[in-house]
Amino acid sequence: MMYSVRIFVMLFLIAVTVFFFGCQQRPERIPTTVPCQIIVLKDGIPQEGIDVSLHSFEGNGTLSFMGLTNAQGVAKIQTHFVNYKESGVPIGNYRVTIDKPVQLPPDGVDDSKLSGKELNDYLTKREAELEKIRVIPQWLTVSVSTPLKINVETKNGGELTVDLKDFPNKP
């Protein structure tokens, strides 16, 4: 008897967990989505680990659209809303930003102890060092300066291929 009560309690807890955490209900605010992918290459070679974001021309409120490139250079874009995500994006026009964050190794300088010209000179030097190792030109990382655009207009979705060789470090 005690054994069957334990089994019942465990099954009940599993069912409650699956119900509350395993089944995400689609929020009403999300429009229908269609497949969308962005391919990022450099001299024809797929680039892995590139963050890709789409920015709606119409504004999207609390929705965001993003993906990460895989070993084939393909980012399958997903629509995100709070804790919910769904494959694809709503039909529309988007600016595309791409980025691969890079970080400089620590240099032992405590910049909180610098001020004025000394701090400005230090930050200018670090930014120049960062530019040397940046994988993606900075102007492709900002939605107002990126020339990359995609029009997702059919049920088939949209696809854009970006080869970084076509984009110099400066616009």
Protein backbone atom coordinates (compact mmCIF):
# COMPACT_ATOMS: atom_id res chain seq x y z
CA MET A 1 0.00 0.00 0.00
CA MET A 2 2.74 2.46 0.97
CA TYR A 3 4.60 1.63 -2.25
CA SER A 4 1.59 2.47 -4.44
CA VAL A 5 1.07 5.79 -2.59
CA ARG A 6 4.69 6.73 -3.32
CA ILE A 7 4.27 5.87 -7.00
CA PHE A 8 1.06 7.90 -7.16
CA VAL A 9 2.74 10.92 -5.52
CA MET A 10 5.75 10.69 -7.86
CA LEU A 11 3.54 10.43 -10.94
CA PHE A 12 1.44 13.34 -9.71
CA LEU A 13 4.57 15.51 -9.20
CA ILE A 14 5.87 14.59 -12.65
CA ALA A 15 2.53 15.45 -14.24
CA VAL A 16 2.38 18.82 -12.45
CA THR A 17 5.98 19.62 -13.47
CA VAL A 18 5.32 18.75 -17.11
CA PHE A 19 2.10 20.74 -17.11
CA PHE A 20 3.60 23.91 -15.64
CA PHE A 21 7.10 23.83 -17.12
CA GLY A 22 6.99 21.56 -20.14
CA CYS A 23 4.04 23.03 -21.98
CA GLN A 24 4.56 26.60 -22.98
CA GLN A 25 1.38 28.16 -24.21
CA ARG A 26 1.73 30.46 -27.20
CA PRO A 27 1.12 34.08 -26.14
CA GLU A 28 -1.65 35.86 -28.05
CA ARG A 29 0.69 38.79 -28.80
CA ILE A 30 2.91 36.77 -31.14
CA PRO A 31 1.87 36.93 -34.80
CA THR A 32 2.18 33.87 -37.00
CA THR A 33 5.83 33.15 -37.80
CA VAL A 34 7.53 31.79 -40.90
CA PRO A 35 11.01 30.24 -41.23
CA CYS A 36 13.94 32.63 -41.45
CA GLN A 37 17.65 31.97 -41.58
CA ILE A 38 20.76 34.04 -41.98
CA ILE A 39 23.98 32.49 -43.30
CA VAL A 40 27.28 34.15 -42.34
CA LEU A 41 30.46 33.42 -44.30
CA LYS A 42 33.93 34.92 -44.51
CA ASP A 43 35.53 34.40 -47.92
CA GLY A 44 32.99 31.63 -48.49
CA ILE A 45 33.85 29.83 -45.21
CA PRO A 46 30.96 29.34 -42.74
CA GLN A 47 31.35 31.33 -39.53
CA GLU A 48 30.25 29.67 -36.30
CA GLY A 49 29.18 31.46 -33.12
CA ILE A 50 27.94 34.67 -34.73
CA ASP A 51 25.03 36.38 -32.94
CA VAL A 52 22.36 37.40 -35.44
CA SER A 53 19.48 39.76 -34.60
CA LEU A 54 16.64 41.10 -36.69
CA HIS A 55 15.15 44.54 -36.01
CA SER A 56 11.68 45.30 -37.33
CA PHE A 57 11.20 48.52 -39.29
CA GLU A 58 7.66 48.73 -37.85
CA GLY A 59 8.82 48.25 -34.26
CA ASN A 60 8.01 45.09 -32.36
CA GLY A 61 7.43 46.14 -28.78
CA THR A 62 8.55 43.30 -26.55
CA LEU A 63 9.36 40.79 -29.29
CA SER A 64 12.94 40.04 -30.24
CA PHE A 65 14.27 37.99 -33.15
CA MET A 66 17.62 36.25 -32.87
CA GLY A 67 19.75 33.24 -33.60
CA LEU A 68 23.31 31.94 -33.37
CA THR A 69 25.23 30.52 -36.33
CA ASN A 70 26.13 26.84 -36.24
CA ALA A 71 29.17 25.11 -37.80
CA GLN A 72 27.62 25.59 -41.26
CA GLY A 73 27.29 29.34 -40.65
CA VAL A 74 23.48 29.11 -40.45
CA ALA A 75 21.44 30.96 -37.81
CA LYS A 76 17.82 29.84 -37.64
CA ILE A 77 16.05 32.90 -36.31
CA GLN A 78 13.58 32.57 -33.44
CA THR A 79 10.99 34.98 -32.09
CA HIS A 80 11.33 35.58 -28.35
CA PHE A 81 8.74 36.98 -25.98
CA VAL A 82 9.56 36.94 -22.24
CA ASN A 83 10.13 33.20 -21.52
CA TYR A 84 8.53 31.97 -24.73
CA LYS A 85 10.35 31.35 -27.99
CA GLU A 86 9.18 30.11 -31.37
CA SER A 87 10.99 29.23 -34.58
CA GLY A 88 10.78 31.82 -37.33
CA VAL A 89 9.71 35.46 -37.48
CA PRO A 90 6.53 37.32 -38.42
CA ILE A 91 6.28 38.41 -42.06
CA GLY A 92 7.86 41.84 -42.48
CA ASN A 93 10.96 43.88 -43.24
CA TYR A 94 13.95 43.73 -40.94
CA ARG A 95 17.40 45.21 -40.46
CA VAL A 96 19.95 42.52 -39.66
CA THR A 97 22.80 42.95 -37.20
CA ILE A 98 25.56 40.44 -36.67
CA ASP A 99 28.21 40.31 -33.98
CA LYS A 100 30.76 38.04 -32.42
CA PRO A 101 31.67 39.57 -29.10
CA VAL A 102 35.39 39.58 -28.38
CA GLN A 103 37.12 40.46 -25.17
CA LEU A 104 40.57 41.77 -24.48
CA PRO A 105 42.64 39.92 -21.91
CA PRO A 106 43.06 41.76 -18.61
CA ASP A 107 46.01 44.13 -18.62
CA GLY A 108 46.29 44.69 -14.88
CA VAL A 109 45.08 48.28 -15.04
CA ASP A 110 42.36 49.27 -12.56
CA ASP A 111 40.49 51.83 -14.66
CA SER A 112 38.33 52.82 -11.67
CA LYS A 113 41.42 54.60 -10.31
CA LEU A 114 41.88 56.63 -13.51
CA SER A 115 40.16 59.90 -14.26
CA GLY A 116 40.04 62.69 -16.79
CA LYS A 117 42.56 62.57 -19.65
CA GLU A 118 44.28 59.50 -18.20
CA LEU A 119 41.04 57.50 -18.29
CA ASN A 120 40.14 58.80 -21.76
CA ASP A 121 43.59 57.86 -23.13
CA TYR A 122 43.39 54.41 -21.55
CA LEU A 123 39.89 53.72 -22.95
CA THR A 124 40.91 54.99 -26.41
CA LYS A 125 43.92 52.64 -26.37
CA ARG A 126 41.79 49.65 -25.29
CA GLU A 127 39.19 50.40 -28.00
CA ALA A 128 41.96 50.47 -30.64
CA GLU A 129 43.23 47.11 -29.37
CA LEU A 130 39.70 45.73 -29.51
CA GLU A 131 39.26 46.90 -33.11
CA LYS A 132 42.33 44.86 -34.11
CA ILE A 133 40.75 41.59 -32.91
CA ARG A 134 37.12 42.36 -33.81
CA VAL A 135 35.70 39.67 -36.11
CA ILE A 136 32.67 41.65 -37.32
CA PRO A 137 33.00 45.28 -38.46
CA GLN A 138 31.39 47.42 -35.79
CA TRP A 139 28.98 49.11 -38.21
CA LEU A 140 27.31 45.72 -38.87
CA THR A 141 26.59 45.34 -35.13
CA VAL A 142 24.29 48.37 -34.80
CA SER A 143 20.75 48.48 -36.23
CA VAL A 144 20.94 52.13 -37.35
CA SER A 145 24.17 51.66 -39.35
CA THR A 146 23.85 48.14 -40.75
CA PRO A 147 23.19 47.90 -44.48
CA LEU A 148 21.95 44.33 -44.05
CA LYS A 149 18.23 43.92 -44.65
CA ILE A 150 15.83 41.04 -45.18
CA ASN A 151 12.26 41.01 -46.41
CA VAL A 152 10.34 38.02 -45.04
CA GLU A 153 7.17 38.02 -47.10
CA THR A 154 5.92 34.53 -47.83
CA LYS A 155 5.02 31.32 -46.06
CA ASN A 156 8.36 30.01 -47.27
CA GLY A 157 10.05 32.59 -45.05
CA GLY A 158 13.28 34.36 -45.78
CA GLU A 159 16.97 33.69 -46.16
CA LEU A 160 19.94 36.04 -46.36
CA THR A 161 23.57 35.13 -46.99
CA VAL A 162 26.22 37.55 -45.75
CA ASP A 163 29.86 37.15 -46.76
CA LEU A 164 32.02 39.36 -44.56
CA LYS A 165 34.52 39.85 -47.40
CA ASP A 166 31.92 42.19 -48.93
CA PHE A 167 31.97 44.48 -45.89
CA PRO A 168 35.09 46.48 -45.05
CA ASN A 169 35.89 47.52 -41.51
CA LYS A 170 34.61 51.04 -42.19
CA PRO A 171 31.36 51.95 -43.99
